[in-house]
Amino acid sequence: MKKISYFIEFIFVYIFFILFKLLGYRVSSNLGFLIGKYFGPIFRSKKLIIDNIKKSNIAIKQNYKQVASNVLGNYGRIFSEYPFLKNFRNGDLDNFIEINGKNYLELIKKEKKTVVFVSGHFNNFELMAMQIEKAGIELSAIYRPLNNTFLNKTMEQIRKKYICKNQIKKGIAGTRQIIKDLKKGNSVALMIDQRVREGSKVKFFGNLATTTTIPAQLIKKYKCELVPIYIERKDKYHFKMHISKPIKVNSKKTNEDITLFLNTVLEKMILKNIDQWIWTHDRWKK
């Protein structure tokens, strides 16, 4: 029964992707926002978004329901933008993305640095790994396969072709592959904002959250520099990507110290645009 529902879901997504492509980037983005805002609550709980924001103790200017609607609307925009990743990759939509700190990417490439890029699921987060690879940096990116096997196959093809050719599945085998790639000189891109089964409980917005220590372990063992990256939606259609200056982390610091620092970095990113992060993820689940 689940296979049938997954196949139906795949067909719907495929039809929408064709529709979006026919409508064009701007119209599709607006349509995606409406789909996310009005139909998103069927798939993602507004209550969970509101509860998570309250747990974070963040002071917000808008009411909680409005923020929740914006979060789901943003999901819809991201969904509508997938058919246009090819256009972002080949440069057709370069005028819709600005990169702050491009000089740091040039430095990493010139000096052949092996770095660990860290970020979270902000806006169209797929564009970050894409822009790093477009800058000529050999990159390996971790991803979590979708439960829907039909849709996952399509998404894997899109990611490998237009985002980052070295896609590594999350898991033990994936961790081993990361180490191999680091030894080859590849840099690694990691999303550090989701709850993991194994990790350290460190504070995130004042509450303990199980957090991956893989970035800390890689930084310490392989003496990689750390590069936080972030992407924000400046308006409906335009993005601004921020590349931080590579950070040399004191190897004497514990994994927990480094992980707490990374959570602090992530908090600052989230606070820039409250409604542009994935509040539907149960980050503080015990």
C-alpha atoms as a PDB file:
ATOM      1  CA  MET A   1       0.000   0.000   0.000  1.00  0.00           C
ATOM      2  CA  LYS A   2       2.840   2.361   0.866  1.00  0.00           C
ATOM      3  CA  LYS A   3       4.452   1.733  -2.541  1.00  0.00           C
ATOM      4  CA  ILE A   4       1.214   2.760  -4.245  1.00  0.00           C
ATOM      5  CA  SER A   5       0.966   5.994  -2.236  1.00  0.00           C
ATOM      6  CA  TYR A   6       4.636   6.733  -2.956  1.00  0.00           C
ATOM      7  CA  PHE A   7       4.063   6.187  -6.675  1.00  0.00           C
ATOM      8  CA  ILE A   8       1.020   8.493  -6.680  1.00  0.00           C
ATOM      9  CA  GLU A   9       3.052  11.117  -4.817  1.00  0.00           C
ATOM     10  CA  PHE A  10       5.825  10.765  -7.411  1.00  0.00           C
ATOM     11  CA  ILE A  11       3.347  11.264 -10.279  1.00  0.00           C
ATOM     12  CA  PHE A  12       1.934  14.415  -8.653  1.00  0.00           C
ATOM     13  CA  VAL A  13       5.435  15.853  -8.124  1.00  0.00           C
ATOM     14  CA  TYR A  14       6.410  15.017 -11.708  1.00  0.00           C
ATOM     15  CA  ILE A  15       3.297  16.748 -13.074  1.00  0.00           C
ATOM     16  CA  PHE A  16       3.975  19.828 -10.941  1.00  0.00           C
ATOM     17  CA  PHE A  17       7.603  19.934 -12.130  1.00  0.00           C
ATOM     18  CA  ILE A  18       6.398  19.965 -15.745  1.00  0.00           C
ATOM     19  CA  LEU A  19       3.843  22.679 -14.924  1.00  0.00           C
ATOM     20  CA  PHE A  20       6.457  24.811 -13.153  1.00  0.00           C
ATOM     21  CA  LYS A  21       8.823  24.519 -16.101  1.00  0.00           C
ATOM     22  CA  LEU A  22       6.085  25.697 -18.469  1.00  0.00           C
ATOM     23  CA  LEU A  23       5.128  28.644 -16.235  1.00  0.00           C
ATOM     24  CA  GLY A  24       8.683  29.936 -15.753  1.00  0.00           C
ATOM     25  CA  TYR A  25      10.723  30.743 -12.664  1.00  0.00           C
ATOM     26  CA  ARG A  26       8.898  33.781 -11.251  1.00  0.00           C
ATOM     27  CA  VAL A  27       5.322  32.568 -11.754  1.00  0.00           C
ATOM     28  CA  SER A  28       6.239  29.126 -10.406  1.00  0.00           C
ATOM     29  CA  SER A  29       7.800  30.629  -7.288  1.00  0.00           C
ATOM     30  CA  ASN A  30       4.590  32.546  -6.530  1.00  0.00           C
ATOM     31  CA  LEU A  31       2.446  29.483  -7.222  1.00  0.00           C
ATOM     32  CA  GLY A  32       4.734  27.385  -5.033  1.00  0.00           C
ATOM     33  CA  PHE A  33       4.311  29.840  -2.173  1.00  0.00           C
ATOM     34  CA  LEU A  34       0.510  29.537  -2.377  1.00  0.00           C
ATOM     35  CA  ILE A  35       0.705  25.739  -2.547  1.00  0.00           C
ATOM     36  CA  GLY A  36       2.942  25.655   0.521  1.00  0.00           C
ATOM     37  CA  LYS A  37       0.877  28.164   2.475  1.00  0.00           C
ATOM     38  CA  TYR A  38      -2.548  26.619   1.870  1.00  0.00           C
ATOM     39  CA  PHE A  39      -1.787  22.935   1.326  1.00  0.00           C
ATOM     40  CA  GLY A  40       1.385  22.660   3.406  1.00  0.00           C
ATOM     41  CA  PRO A  41      -0.525  22.207   6.694  1.00  0.00           C
ATOM     42  CA  ILE A  42      -1.878  18.906   5.316  1.00  0.00           C
ATOM     43  CA  PHE A  43       1.671  17.492   5.310  1.00  0.00           C
ATOM     44  CA  ARG A  44       3.463  19.595   7.935  1.00  0.00           C
ATOM     45  CA  SER A  45       1.976  20.649  11.244  1.00  0.00           C
ATOM     46  CA  LYS A  46       1.669  24.364  11.919  1.00  0.00           C
ATOM     47  CA  LYS A  47       1.401  23.467  15.592  1.00  0.00           C
ATOM     48  CA  LEU A  48       4.844  21.812  15.521  1.00  0.00           C
ATOM     49  CA  ILE A  49       6.333  24.933  13.911  1.00  0.00           C
ATOM     50  CA  ILE A  50       4.773  27.185  16.560  1.00  0.00           C
ATOM     51  CA  ASP A  51       5.770  24.854  19.414  1.00  0.00           C
ATOM     52  CA  ASN A  52       9.376  24.747  18.192  1.00  0.00           C
ATOM     53  CA  ILE A  53       9.599  28.533  17.883  1.00  0.00           C
ATOM     54  CA  LYS A  54       8.248  28.861  21.416  1.00  0.00           C
ATOM     55  CA  LYS A  55      10.821  26.333  22.673  1.00  0.00           C
ATOM     56  CA  SER A  56      13.579  28.443  21.147  1.00  0.00           C
ATOM     57  CA  ASN A  57      12.491  31.472  23.209  1.00  0.00           C
ATOM     58  CA  ILE A  58      12.986  33.717  20.173  1.00  0.00           C
ATOM     59  CA  ALA A  59      11.186  37.049  20.313  1.00  0.00           C
ATOM     60  CA  ILE A  60       9.236  37.466  17.075  1.00  0.00           C
ATOM     61  CA  LYS A  61       7.604  40.593  15.650  1.00  0.00           C
ATOM     62  CA  GLN A  62       4.864  38.752  13.737  1.00  0.00           C
ATOM     63  CA  ASN A  63       2.308  36.432  15.310  1.00  0.00           C
ATOM     64  CA  TYR A  64       3.156  32.739  15.409  1.00  0.00           C
ATOM     65  CA  LYS A  65       0.542  31.714  12.851  1.00  0.00           C
ATOM     66  CA  GLN A  66       1.900  34.187  10.306  1.00  0.00           C
ATOM     67  CA  VAL A  67       5.449  32.917  10.786  1.00  0.00           C
ATOM     68  CA  ALA A  68       4.220  29.322  10.391  1.00  0.00           C
ATOM     69  CA  SER A  69       2.425  30.264   7.150  1.00  0.00           C
ATOM     70  CA  ASN A  70       5.583  31.945   5.841  1.00  0.00           C
ATOM     71  CA  VAL A  71       7.660  28.860   6.689  1.00  0.00           C
ATOM     72  CA  LEU A  72       5.294  26.604   4.727  1.00  0.00           C
ATOM     73  CA  GLY A  73       5.088  29.131   1.894  1.00  0.00           C
ATOM     74  CA  ASN A  74       8.868  29.123   1.694  1.00  0.00           C
ATOM     75  CA  TYR A  75       8.792  25.318   1.454  1.00  0.00           C
ATOM     76  CA  GLY A  76       6.469  25.740  -1.504  1.00  0.00           C
ATOM     77  CA  ARG A  77       8.868  28.129  -3.225  1.00  0.00           C
ATOM     78  CA  ILE A  78      11.738  25.651  -2.748  1.00  0.00           C
ATOM     79  CA  PHE A  79       9.578  22.883  -4.235  1.00  0.00           C
ATOM     80  CA  SER A  80       8.779  25.034  -7.272  1.00  0.00           C
ATOM     81  CA  GLU A  81      12.453  25.898  -7.811  1.00  0.00           C
ATOM     82  CA  TYR A  82      13.711  22.329  -8.295  1.00  0.00           C
ATOM     83  CA  PRO A  83      12.917  22.263 -12.032  1.00  0.00           C
ATOM     84  CA  PHE A  84      15.095  25.384 -12.397  1.00  0.00           C
ATOM     85  CA  LEU A  85      18.246  24.033 -10.725  1.00  0.00           C
ATOM     86  CA  LYS A  86      19.601  23.314 -14.209  1.00  0.00           C
ATOM     87  CA  ASN A  87      19.154  27.001 -15.062  1.00  0.00           C
ATOM     88  CA  PHE A  88      20.959  28.061 -11.883  1.00  0.00           C
ATOM     89  CA  ARG A  89      23.742  25.625 -12.702  1.00  0.00           C
ATOM     90  CA  ASN A  90      24.307  26.738 -16.293  1.00  0.00           C
ATOM     91  CA  GLY A  91      24.205  30.438 -15.392  1.00  0.00           C
ATOM     92  CA  ASP A  92      20.822  31.391 -16.882  1.00  0.00           C
ATOM     93  CA  LEU A  93      19.629  32.545 -13.440  1.00  0.00           C
ATOM     94  CA  ASP A  94      22.903  33.991 -12.128  1.00  0.00           C
ATOM     95  CA  ASN A  95      21.264  37.402 -11.729  1.00  0.00           C
ATOM     96  CA  PHE A  96      18.983  35.878  -9.079  1.00  0.00           C
ATOM     97  CA  ILE A  97      21.787  34.897  -6.713  1.00  0.00           C
ATOM     98  CA  GLU A  98      24.428  37.103  -5.106  1.00  0.00           C
ATOM     99  CA  ILE A  99      27.463  35.626  -3.359  1.00  0.00           C
ATOM    100  CA  ASN A 100      29.021  37.468  -0.445  1.00  0.00           C
ATOM    101  CA  GLY A 101      32.508  36.157   0.358  1.00  0.00           C
ATOM    102  CA  LYS A 102      33.263  34.759  -3.084  1.00  0.00           C
ATOM    103  CA  ASN A 103      36.889  35.699  -2.468  1.00  0.00           C
ATOM    104  CA  TYR A 104      37.052  33.013   0.234  1.00  0.00           C
ATOM    105  CA  LEU A 105      35.974  30.376  -2.290  1.00  0.00           C
ATOM    106  CA  GLU A 106      38.692  31.618  -4.633  1.00  0.00           C
ATOM    107  CA  LEU A 107      41.219  31.406  -1.787  1.00  0.00           C
ATOM    108  CA  ILE A 108      40.188  27.835  -0.926  1.00  0.00           C
ATOM    109  CA  LYS A 109      40.565  26.825  -4.572  1.00  0.00           C
ATOM    110  CA  LYS A 110      43.866  28.662  -5.085  1.00  0.00           C
ATOM    111  CA  GLU A 111      45.521  27.261  -1.960  1.00  0.00           C
ATOM    112  CA  LYS A 112      43.878  23.840  -2.431  1.00  0.00           C
ATOM    113  CA  LYS A 113      42.525  23.930   1.099  1.00  0.00           C
ATOM    114  CA  THR A 114      40.500  21.028   2.433  1.00  0.00           C
ATOM    115  CA  VAL A 115      37.680  22.558   4.436  1.00  0.00           C
ATOM    116  CA  VAL A 116      34.452  21.544   6.138  1.00  0.00           C
ATOM    117  CA  PHE A 117      31.528  23.700   5.003  1.00  0.00           C
ATOM    118  CA  VAL A 118      28.690  23.738   7.547  1.00  0.00           C
ATOM    119  CA  SER A 119      25.168  25.082   7.260  1.00  0.00           C
ATOM    120  CA  GLY A 120      21.499  24.258   7.777  1.00  0.00           C
ATOM    121  CA  HIS A 121      18.337  23.836   5.728  1.00  0.00           C
ATOM    122  CA  PHE A 122      17.679  27.450   4.792  1.00  0.00           C
ATOM    123  CA  ASN A 123      15.642  28.438   1.746  1.00  0.00           C
ATOM    124  CA  ASN A 124      16.840  26.649  -1.358  1.00  0.00           C
ATOM    125  CA  PHE A 125      19.804  25.116   0.466  1.00  0.00           C
ATOM    126  CA  GLU A 126      20.678  23.056  -2.644  1.00  0.00           C
ATOM    127  CA  LEU A 127      22.092  26.216  -4.239  1.00  0.00           C
ATOM    128  CA  MET A 128      24.925  26.408  -1.680  1.00  0.00           C
ATOM    129  CA  ALA A 129      26.711  23.180  -2.675  1.00  0.00           C
ATOM    130  CA  MET A 130      26.056  24.065  -6.314  1.00  0.00           C
ATOM    131  CA  GLN A 131      27.790  27.437  -6.044  1.00  0.00           C
ATOM    132  CA  ILE A 132      30.771  25.937  -4.200  1.00  0.00           C
ATOM    133  CA  GLU A 133      31.273  23.337  -6.923  1.00  0.00           C
ATOM    134  CA  LYS A 134      30.755  25.965  -9.635  1.00  0.00           C
ATOM    135  CA  ALA A 135      33.647  27.887  -8.035  1.00  0.00           C
ATOM    136  CA  GLY A 136      35.914  24.970  -8.953  1.00  0.00           C
ATOM    137  CA  ILE A 137      36.186  23.362  -5.521  1.00  0.00           C
ATOM    138  CA  GLU A 138      36.168  19.560  -5.321  1.00  0.00           C
ATOM    139  CA  LEU A 139      33.275  18.946  -2.972  1.00  0.00           C
ATOM    140  CA  SER A 140      31.511  15.991  -1.377  1.00  0.00           C
ATOM    141  CA  ALA A 141      28.018  16.583   0.024  1.00  0.00           C
ATOM    142  CA  ILE A 142      26.076  14.435   2.483  1.00  0.00           C
ATOM    143  CA  TYR A 143      22.389  13.792   1.843  1.00  0.00           C
ATOM    144  CA  ARG A 144      19.609  11.789   3.447  1.00  0.00           C
ATOM    145  CA  PRO A 145      17.725   9.587   0.939  1.00  0.00           C
ATOM    146  CA  LEU A 146      13.983  10.217   0.704  1.00  0.00           C
ATOM    147  CA  ASN A 147      11.622   7.547   2.025  1.00  0.00           C
ATOM    148  CA  ASN A 148       9.809   7.636  -1.320  1.00  0.00           C
ATOM    149  CA  THR A 149      12.054   5.411  -3.460  1.00  0.00           C
ATOM    150  CA  PHE A 150      10.440   6.570  -6.726  1.00  0.00           C
ATOM    151  CA  LEU A 151      11.011  10.227  -5.940  1.00  0.00           C
ATOM    152  CA  ASN A 152      14.416   9.598  -4.383  1.00  0.00           C
ATOM    153  CA  LYS A 153      15.799   8.229  -7.657  1.00  0.00           C
ATOM    154  CA  THR A 154      14.778  11.421  -9.476  1.00  0.00           C
ATOM    155  CA  MET A 155      16.164  13.664  -6.726  1.00  0.00           C
ATOM    156  CA  GLU A 156      19.483  11.799  -6.701  1.00  0.00           C
ATOM    157  CA  GLN A 157      19.808  12.327 -10.450  1.00  0.00           C
ATOM    158  CA  ILE A 158      19.051  16.055 -10.086  1.00  0.00           C
ATOM    159  CA  ARG A 159      21.532  16.449  -7.232  1.00  0.00           C
ATOM    160  CA  LYS A 160      24.374  14.603  -8.957  1.00  0.00           C
ATOM    161  CA  LYS A 161      23.849  16.355 -12.290  1.00  0.00           C
ATOM    162  CA  TYR A 162      23.193  19.938 -11.187  1.00  0.00           C
ATOM    163  CA  ILE A 163      24.131  20.395  -7.513  1.00  0.00           C
ATOM    164  CA  CYS A 164      27.188  18.354  -6.565  1.00  0.00           C
ATOM    165  CA  LYS A 165      28.452  15.289  -8.392  1.00  0.00           C
ATOM    166  CA  ASN A 166      29.887  13.685  -5.242  1.00  0.00           C
ATOM    167  CA  GLN A 167      26.728  12.853  -3.304  1.00  0.00           C
ATOM    168  CA  ILE A 168      27.225  10.691  -0.202  1.00  0.00           C
ATOM    169  CA  LYS A 169      24.379   8.903   1.544  1.00  0.00           C
ATOM    170  CA  LYS A 170      24.058   9.627   5.239  1.00  0.00           C
ATOM    171  CA  GLY A 171      25.136   6.716   7.454  1.00  0.00           C
ATOM    172  CA  ILE A 172      28.154   4.690   8.551  1.00  0.00           C
ATOM    173  CA  ALA A 173      29.193   3.896   4.975  1.00  0.00           C
ATOM    174  CA  GLY A 174      28.770   7.572   4.144  1.00  0.00           C
ATOM    175  CA  THR A 175      31.041   8.614   6.999  1.00  0.00           C
ATOM    176  CA  ARG A 176      33.732   6.251   5.709  1.00  0.00           C
ATOM    177  CA  GLN A 177      33.362   7.787   2.247  1.00  0.00           C
ATOM    178  CA  ILE A 178      33.732  11.301   3.688  1.00  0.00           C
ATOM    179  CA  ILE A 179      37.053  10.289   5.241  1.00  0.00           C
ATOM    180  CA  LYS A 180      38.255   8.820   1.931  1.00  0.00           C
ATOM    181  CA  ASP A 181      37.277  12.005   0.099  1.00  0.00           C
ATOM    182  CA  LEU A 182      38.981  14.222   2.671  1.00  0.00           C
ATOM    183  CA  LYS A 183      42.175  12.217   2.275  1.00  0.00           C
ATOM    184  CA  LYS A 184      41.922  12.770  -1.497  1.00  0.00           C
ATOM    185  CA  GLY A 185      41.744  16.518  -0.877  1.00  0.00           C
ATOM    186  CA  ASN A 186      38.013  17.040  -1.300  1.00  0.00           C
ATOM    187  CA  SER A 187      36.199  19.532   0.877  1.00  0.00           C
ATOM    188  CA  VAL A 188      32.990  18.396   2.569  1.00  0.00           C
ATOM    189  CA  ALA A 189      29.576  20.071   2.969  1.00  0.00           C
ATOM    190  CA  LEU A 190      27.540  19.098   6.031  1.00  0.00           C
ATOM    191  CA  MET A 191      24.097  20.114   7.264  1.00  0.00           C
ATOM    192  CA  ILE A 192      24.275  20.295  11.044  1.00  0.00           C
ATOM    193  CA  ASP A 193      20.768  21.427  11.992  1.00  0.00           C
ATOM    194  CA  GLN A 194      18.928  18.119  12.306  1.00  0.00           C
ATOM    195  CA  ARG A 195      18.525  15.783  15.253  1.00  0.00           C
ATOM    196  CA  VAL A 196      20.652  12.643  15.037  1.00  0.00           C
ATOM    197  CA  ARG A 197      20.483   9.292  16.802  1.00  0.00           C
ATOM    198  CA  GLU A 198      24.099   9.410  17.854  1.00  0.00           C
ATOM    199  CA  GLY A 199      25.736  12.635  18.928  1.00  0.00           C
ATOM    200  CA  SER A 200      26.207  14.906  21.901  1.00  0.00           C
ATOM    201  CA  LYS A 201      23.506  16.717  23.808  1.00  0.00           C
ATOM    202  CA  VAL A 202      24.518  20.363  23.585  1.00  0.00           C
ATOM    203  CA  LYS A 203      22.504  23.532  23.919  1.00  0.00           C
ATOM    204  CA  PHE A 204      20.633  24.894  20.933  1.00  0.00           C
ATOM    205  CA  PHE A 205      18.615  28.039  21.653  1.00  0.00           C
ATOM    206  CA  GLY A 206      18.968  27.282  25.356  1.00  0.00           C
ATOM    207  CA  ASN A 207      17.636  23.715  25.210  1.00  0.00           C
ATOM    208  CA  LEU A 208      19.637  20.502  25.013  1.00  0.00           C
ATOM    209  CA  ALA A 209      19.519  18.946  21.546  1.00  0.00           C
ATOM    210  CA  THR A 210      21.232  15.810  20.252  1.00  0.00           C
ATOM    211  CA  THR A 211      23.700  17.188  17.716  1.00  0.00           C
ATOM    212  CA  THR A 212      26.102  15.549  15.286  1.00  0.00           C
ATOM    213  CA  THR A 213      29.765  15.705  16.314  1.00  0.00           C
ATOM    214  CA  ILE A 214      31.034  14.597  12.881  1.00  0.00           C
ATOM    215  CA  PRO A 215      32.148  18.137  11.862  1.00  0.00           C
ATOM    216  CA  ALA A 216      34.116  18.476  15.115  1.00  0.00           C
ATOM    217  CA  GLN A 217      35.732  15.071  14.671  1.00  0.00           C
ATOM    218  CA  LEU A 218      36.760  15.799  11.073  1.00  0.00           C
ATOM    219  CA  ILE A 219      38.125  19.243  11.932  1.00  0.00           C
ATOM    220  CA  LYS A 220      40.242  17.853  14.765  1.00  0.00           C
ATOM    221  CA  LYS A 221      41.505  14.656  13.152  1.00  0.00           C
ATOM    222  CA  TYR A 222      42.251  15.986   9.677  1.00  0.00           C
ATOM    223  CA  LYS A 223      43.097  19.568  10.682  1.00  0.00           C
ATOM    224  CA  CYS A 224      40.525  21.008   8.299  1.00  0.00           C
ATOM    225  CA  GLU A 225      39.452  24.620   8.456  1.00  0.00           C
ATOM    226  CA  LEU A 226      35.812  25.385   9.153  1.00  0.00           C
ATOM    227  CA  VAL A 227      33.676  27.481   6.778  1.00  0.00           C
ATOM    228  CA  PRO A 228      30.115  28.373   7.852  1.00  0.00           C
ATOM    229  CA  ILE A 229      27.853  29.164   4.890  1.00  0.00           C
ATOM    230  CA  TYR A 230      24.323  30.531   4.745  1.00  0.00           C
ATOM    231  CA  ILE A 231      21.753  31.411   2.105  1.00  0.00           C
ATOM    232  CA  GLU A 232      18.866  33.839   2.549  1.00  0.00           C
ATOM    233  CA  ARG A 233      15.957  34.815   0.347  1.00  0.00           C
ATOM    234  CA  LYS A 234      16.211  38.571  -0.162  1.00  0.00           C
ATOM    235  CA  ASP A 235      12.832  38.750  -1.853  1.00  0.00           C
ATOM    236  CA  LYS A 236      10.511  36.352  -3.661  1.00  0.00           C
ATOM    237  CA  TYR A 237      12.999  35.384  -6.345  1.00  0.00           C
ATOM    238  CA  HIS A 238      16.475  36.556  -5.276  1.00  0.00           C
ATOM    239  CA  PHE A 239      18.999  34.881  -2.988  1.00  0.00           C
ATOM    240  CA  LYS A 240      22.111  36.006  -1.185  1.00  0.00           C
ATOM    241  CA  MET A 241      24.674  33.417  -0.178  1.00  0.00           C
ATOM    242  CA  HIS A 242      27.170  34.201   2.577  1.00  0.00           C
ATOM    243  CA  ILE A 243      30.587  32.515   2.728  1.00  0.00           C
ATOM    244  CA  SER A 244      32.486  32.996   5.991  1.00  0.00           C
ATOM    245  CA  LYS A 245      36.241  33.347   6.260  1.00  0.00           C
ATOM    246  CA  PRO A 246      37.849  29.928   6.893  1.00  0.00           C
ATOM    247  CA  ILE A 247      38.257  29.364  10.629  1.00  0.00           C
ATOM    248  CA  LYS A 248      41.182  27.508  12.196  1.00  0.00           C
ATOM    249  CA  VAL A 249      39.761  25.662  15.176  1.00  0.00           C
ATOM    250  CA  ASN A 250      41.946  24.944  18.198  1.00  0.00           C
ATOM    251  CA  SER A 251      42.496  21.170  18.079  1.00  0.00           C
ATOM    252  CA  LYS A 252      42.720  21.092  21.885  1.00  0.00           C
ATOM    253  CA  LYS A 253      39.028  21.911  22.145  1.00  0.00           C
ATOM    254  CA  THR A 254      36.713  18.986  22.842  1.00  0.00           C
ATOM    255  CA  ASN A 255      34.172  17.715  20.326  1.00  0.00           C
ATOM    256  CA  GLU A 256      31.421  19.088  22.580  1.00  0.00           C
ATOM    257  CA  ASP A 257      33.029  22.556  22.690  1.00  0.00           C
ATOM    258  CA  ILE A 258      33.286  22.710  18.898  1.00  0.00           C
ATOM    259  CA  THR A 259      29.747  21.365  18.465  1.00  0.00           C
ATOM    260  CA  LEU A 260      28.370  23.973  20.862  1.00  0.00           C
ATOM    261  CA  PHE A 261      30.211  26.666  18.885  1.00  0.00           C
ATOM    262  CA  LEU A 262      28.665  25.371  15.657  1.00  0.00           C
ATOM    263  CA  ASN A 263      25.186  25.462  17.199  1.00  0.00           C
ATOM    264  CA  THR A 264      25.824  29.079  18.190  1.00  0.00           C
ATOM    265  CA  VAL A 265      26.809  29.864  14.595  1.00  0.00           C
ATOM    266  CA  LEU A 266      23.638  28.169  13.393  1.00  0.00           C
ATOM    267  CA  GLU A 267      21.489  30.152  15.836  1.00  0.00           C
ATOM    268  CA  LYS A 268      22.838  33.418  14.408  1.00  0.00           C
ATOM    269  CA  MET A 269      21.959  32.273  10.900  1.00  0.00           C
ATOM    270  CA  ILE A 270      18.400  31.384  11.934  1.00  0.00           C
ATOM    271  CA  LEU A 271      17.892  34.700  13.733  1.00  0.00           C
ATOM    272  CA  LYS A 272      18.620  36.626  10.521  1.00  0.00           C
ATOM    273  CA  ASN A 273      15.383  35.337   8.980  1.00  0.00           C
ATOM    274  CA  ILE A 274      13.190  33.413  11.418  1.00  0.00           C
ATOM    275  CA  ASP A 275      10.783  32.109   8.769  1.00  0.00           C
ATOM    276  CA  GLN A 276      13.488  30.830   6.408  1.00  0.00           C
ATOM    277  CA  TRP A 277      14.517  27.763   8.437  1.00  0.00           C
ATOM    278  CA  ILE A 278      12.924  24.285   8.735  1.00  0.00           C
ATOM    279  CA  TRP A 279      10.923  24.654  11.937  1.00  0.00           C
ATOM    280  CA  THR A 280       8.953  21.500  11.054  1.00  0.00           C
ATOM    281  CA  HIS A 281      11.883  19.362  12.178  1.00  0.00           C
ATOM    282  CA  ASP A 282      11.477  18.172  15.775  1.00  0.00           C
ATOM    283  CA  ARG A 283      14.919  19.409  16.781  1.00  0.00           C
ATOM    284  CA  TRP A 284      14.528  18.979  20.537  1.00  0.00           C
ATOM    285  CA  LYS A 285      12.855  15.580  20.547  1.00  0.00           C
ATOM    286  CA  LYS A 286      14.172  13.490  23.453  1.00  0.00           C
END
